[in-house]
Protein backbone atom coordinates (compact mmCIF):
# COMPACT_ATOMS: atom_id res chain seq x y z
CA MET A 1 111.80 94.75 90.30
CA SER A 2 109.24 94.60 87.46
CA ILE A 3 107.13 97.59 86.84
CA LYS A 4 103.65 97.35 85.30
CA ILE A 5 101.99 100.50 84.21
CA ASP A 6 99.38 101.15 81.36
CA GLU A 7 100.95 102.54 78.11
CA SER A 8 98.57 105.65 78.31
CA TRP A 9 100.14 106.73 81.66
CA LYS A 10 103.57 106.13 80.13
CA GLU A 11 102.77 108.47 77.39
CA MET A 12 101.28 111.23 79.59
CA LEU A 13 103.94 111.26 82.26
CA ARG A 14 106.99 110.39 79.83
CA GLU A 15 108.71 113.81 80.68
CA GLU A 16 108.27 113.14 84.49
CA PHE A 17 109.78 109.72 84.17
CA ASN A 18 112.91 111.40 82.75
CA GLN A 19 113.30 114.03 85.43
CA GLU A 20 116.41 113.82 87.78
CA TYR A 21 114.18 113.66 91.00
CA PHE A 22 112.25 110.52 89.60
CA GLU A 23 115.47 108.67 88.77
CA THR A 24 116.83 109.40 92.28
CA LEU A 25 113.49 108.30 93.78
CA ILE A 26 113.53 105.01 91.82
CA SER A 27 117.17 104.29 92.84
CA PHE A 28 116.09 104.84 96.49
CA VAL A 29 113.03 102.56 96.12
CA LYS A 30 115.09 99.73 94.54
CA ALA A 31 117.70 99.92 97.35
CA GLU A 32 115.00 99.84 99.96
CA TYR A 33 113.27 96.91 98.41
CA GLU A 34 116.71 95.15 98.26
CA ARG A 35 117.64 95.99 101.82
CA THR A 36 114.49 95.24 103.77
CA VAL A 37 110.71 94.29 103.29
CA CYS A 38 108.77 96.95 101.64
CA PHE A 39 105.13 97.16 100.34
CA PRO A 40 103.36 96.79 97.91
CA PRO A 41 105.09 94.00 96.06
CA GLY A 42 107.37 95.53 93.37
CA ASN A 43 105.14 94.67 90.55
CA LYS A 44 102.16 96.48 92.32
CA ILE A 45 103.83 99.57 93.00
CA PHE A 46 101.95 101.25 89.94
CA ALA A 47 98.87 99.20 90.13
CA ALA A 48 96.60 101.99 90.24
CA PHE A 49 97.85 103.21 86.91
CA ASP A 50 97.91 99.76 85.20
CA ARG A 51 94.21 99.02 86.17
CA THR A 52 92.93 102.51 85.40
CA PRO A 53 94.19 103.95 82.02
CA PHE A 54 94.47 107.63 81.66
CA GLU A 55 91.57 108.04 79.49
CA LYS A 56 89.09 105.84 81.47
CA VAL A 57 89.58 107.94 84.77
CA LYS A 58 86.38 109.06 86.17
CA VAL A 59 86.79 109.27 89.66
CA VAL A 60 90.08 110.09 91.68
CA ILE A 61 90.28 109.11 95.32
CA ILE A 62 93.42 110.28 97.21
CA GLY A 63 95.14 108.22 100.06
CA GLN A 64 98.48 108.99 101.68
CA ASP A 65 100.82 106.01 101.72
CA PRO A 66 100.35 102.23 101.49
CA TYR A 67 99.45 99.94 104.51
CA HIS A 68 102.64 98.87 106.11
CA GLY A 69 101.28 95.62 107.38
CA LYS A 70 102.30 92.23 105.87
CA GLY A 71 100.11 91.24 102.92
CA GLN A 72 97.85 94.12 103.15
CA ALA A 73 98.89 96.83 100.31
CA ASN A 74 98.18 95.95 96.72
CA GLY A 75 98.95 99.33 95.09
CA LEU A 76 95.54 100.92 95.34
CA CYS A 77 94.78 103.30 98.01
CA PHE A 78 92.59 101.96 100.87
CA SER A 79 92.42 98.67 99.08
CA VAL A 80 93.53 95.28 100.48
CA ALA A 81 94.29 91.89 98.68
CA ASP A 82 91.59 89.28 98.48
CA GLY A 83 91.44 87.28 101.90
CA VAL A 84 92.88 90.07 104.03
CA PRO A 85 90.53 91.68 106.60
CA PRO A 86 89.71 95.13 105.81
CA PRO A 87 91.53 97.74 107.97
CA PRO A 88 89.40 100.12 110.10
CA SER A 89 89.33 102.99 107.52
CA LEU A 90 88.24 100.65 104.87
CA ILE A 91 85.54 99.28 106.99
CA ASN A 92 84.17 102.85 107.70
CA ILE A 93 84.33 103.45 103.80
CA PHE A 94 82.04 100.32 103.48
CA LYS A 95 79.86 101.44 106.25
CA GLU A 96 79.30 104.84 104.56
CA GLN A 97 78.82 103.22 101.20
CA GLN A 98 76.30 100.70 102.69
CA LYS A 99 74.13 103.66 104.22
CA ASP A 100 74.55 105.95 101.27
CA LEU A 101 73.52 103.42 98.62
CA GLN A 102 71.48 100.92 100.55
CA ILE A 103 73.70 98.10 99.33
CA PRO A 104 75.37 95.36 101.34
CA ASN A 105 78.90 95.30 102.41
CA PRO A 106 81.28 93.65 99.86
CA LYS A 107 82.89 90.33 100.77
CA SER A 108 86.48 91.43 99.95
CA GLY A 109 88.36 94.63 100.79
CA ASN A 110 90.10 94.43 97.34
CA LEU A 111 88.93 97.75 95.54
CA GLU A 112 90.30 96.35 91.98
CA ARG A 113 86.59 96.27 90.84
CA TRP A 114 86.42 100.05 91.38
CA ALA A 115 89.79 100.63 89.56
CA ASP A 116 88.52 98.72 86.65
CA GLN A 117 85.49 100.90 86.23
CA GLY A 118 87.64 104.15 86.26
CA VAL A 119 88.40 104.89 89.92
CA LEU A 120 91.82 105.87 90.18
CA LEU A 121 92.90 104.90 93.84
CA LEU A 122 95.98 107.04 94.17
CA ASN A 123 98.19 107.13 97.27
CA THR A 124 100.42 110.22 97.08
CA VAL A 125 103.25 107.93 98.39
CA LEU A 126 103.55 104.58 96.52
CA THR A 127 105.77 102.59 98.79
CA VAL A 128 106.44 102.02 102.34
CA GLU A 129 108.83 99.88 104.65
CA GLN A 130 107.07 97.19 106.63
CA GLY A 131 105.88 98.45 109.92
CA MET A 132 107.01 101.83 109.36
CA ALA A 133 104.12 104.28 108.24
CA GLY A 134 105.47 107.22 106.35
CA SER A 135 108.89 105.91 105.89
CA HIS A 136 109.00 106.71 102.19
CA GLN A 137 107.63 110.16 102.44
CA LYS A 138 109.57 113.15 101.06
CA LYS A 139 111.61 110.93 98.83
CA GLY A 140 110.13 112.23 95.70
CA TRP A 141 106.92 110.29 95.39
CA GLU A 142 104.72 113.54 96.35
CA ILE A 143 106.27 115.50 93.40
CA PHE A 144 105.41 112.67 91.00
CA THR A 145 101.69 112.19 92.42
CA ASP A 146 101.08 115.88 92.31
CA LYS A 147 102.02 116.04 88.74
CA VAL A 148 99.44 113.09 88.17
CA ILE A 149 96.79 115.25 89.79
CA GLN A 150 97.63 118.21 87.91
CA THR A 151 97.81 116.31 84.64
CA LEU A 152 94.32 114.85 85.17
CA SER A 153 92.92 118.26 86.18
CA ASP A 154 94.50 119.92 83.09
CA GLU A 155 93.91 117.38 80.39
CA ARG A 156 90.51 115.72 81.40
CA GLU A 157 86.97 117.30 82.02
CA ASN A 158 84.20 116.42 84.49
CA LEU A 159 86.21 114.15 86.86
CA VAL A 160 85.22 113.48 90.45
CA PHE A 161 87.93 114.14 93.09
CA MET A 162 87.20 112.63 96.58
CA LEU A 163 89.52 114.41 99.14
CA TRP A 164 89.25 112.52 102.56
CA GLY A 165 91.05 114.20 105.47
CA GLY A 166 93.33 117.16 105.89
CA PHE A 167 96.15 115.84 103.89
CA ALA A 168 94.12 114.85 100.79
CA LYS A 169 92.54 118.37 100.96
CA THR A 170 95.83 120.03 100.40
CA LYS A 171 95.73 118.66 96.99
CA ILE A 172 92.71 120.83 96.06
CA LYS A 173 95.17 123.52 94.96
CA LEU A 174 96.14 121.30 91.96
CA ILE A 175 92.46 120.81 90.70
CA ASN A 176 90.59 123.22 88.48
CA GLU A 177 87.17 123.22 90.36
CA LYS A 178 85.55 124.81 87.28
CA LYS A 179 86.09 121.72 85.10
CA HIS A 180 85.82 119.03 88.03
CA PHE A 181 83.63 117.99 90.84
CA VAL A 182 85.56 118.10 94.25
CA LEU A 183 84.06 116.20 97.09
CA THR A 184 85.80 116.73 100.68
CA SER A 185 85.10 115.36 103.96
CA GLY A 186 86.96 114.13 107.08
CA HIS A 187 89.12 110.89 106.79
CA PRO A 188 87.40 107.48 107.26
CA SER A 189 89.98 106.58 110.04
CA PRO A 190 88.17 105.82 113.31
CA LEU A 191 89.52 108.87 114.90
CA SER A 192 88.02 111.21 112.55
CA ALA A 193 84.92 109.07 111.66
CA ASN A 194 83.87 108.80 115.25
CA ARG A 195 84.07 112.59 115.56
CA GLY A 196 81.51 112.98 112.96
CA TYR A 197 83.74 114.04 110.07
CA TRP A 198 83.18 111.12 107.90
CA PHE A 199 79.70 109.37 108.14
CA GLY A 200 76.91 110.93 106.10
CA ASN A 201 79.03 112.55 103.46
CA GLN A 202 77.18 110.79 100.53
CA HIS A 203 80.11 110.82 98.42
CA PHE A 204 79.32 107.75 96.43
CA SER A 205 75.83 108.71 95.55
CA ARG A 206 76.93 112.36 94.81
CA ALA A 207 79.84 111.10 92.69
CA ASN A 208 77.33 108.87 90.68
CA ARG A 209 74.78 111.75 90.22
CA TYR A 210 77.46 113.92 88.79
CA LEU A 211 78.73 111.22 86.30
CA GLN A 212 75.02 110.67 85.22
CA GLU A 213 74.62 114.40 84.74
CA LYS A 214 77.73 114.45 82.52
CA ARG A 215 76.31 111.45 80.46
CA LYS A 216 78.96 109.02 82.13
CA GLN A 217 78.13 105.50 83.28
CA PRO A 218 78.03 105.65 87.18
CA ILE A 219 80.27 103.45 89.22
CA GLU A 220 78.95 100.21 90.83
CA TRP A 221 80.36 100.66 94.29
C-alpha cells in the first residue's frame, strides 16, 4: 500500500504518526485492504492531505466516512472520481451552489478542483469496506482527524470551517471561533435537505465574502 501525503502535513503531524494508536490503526487498515475490498484505493487514502498542503488550506469541509460503492471514493469527502455519477448528497451540494452563486452545475463530481484551491475535504474516517457504511469507524481514524482539525485551528488563522449535519457539528469544540469563521447547517443528504435543513444556507458565497474580507483569494466553486 503506497501512501501519498504532502510533506507539510508530515511535518505538522509527525508526532501523531508515531503514536501507538496510529500504528495500530494502520495495521488494521493494511489487514483489511488485504482481506477484502476497501475504499478509497490505497494511494488515495490521504488524498485530501496530498492535494491541499497545510499552509494552503483556506476552507475545511468535514464529512464522515468515504462512499462505500465501487469506484466512488477518491479520498476527498463528498467527491467522486471523474465519470462516476454524483451521489444524492453531492447533487444537493451542487444545487445549493448553483442557487447561491448563480453558476451552472459542474460536469464532474470530482472535487479535486476545490482541493487544489485550498479546500481541505476531510472525512473523519478515511477508509471503509465495500458496501459496509461505517465499517472502519472507531478504529482510530477519529482520533487522528480530530488532531488535524485541532492543529488547523491552533496553528492557522482566518479559516472557514463548514460543518454540515449533526456529526460534523460535534467538531465545533475543536475550533477556536474567535480565530476562524464557522458555518453550520443541516446535512446535504436528501433526508435532511428535503426537510429544509440544507437548501438556502449560502455557505459558498458566505465563505468567499469572508475570505475576501481577510484579503484571501476566494474559491472558484
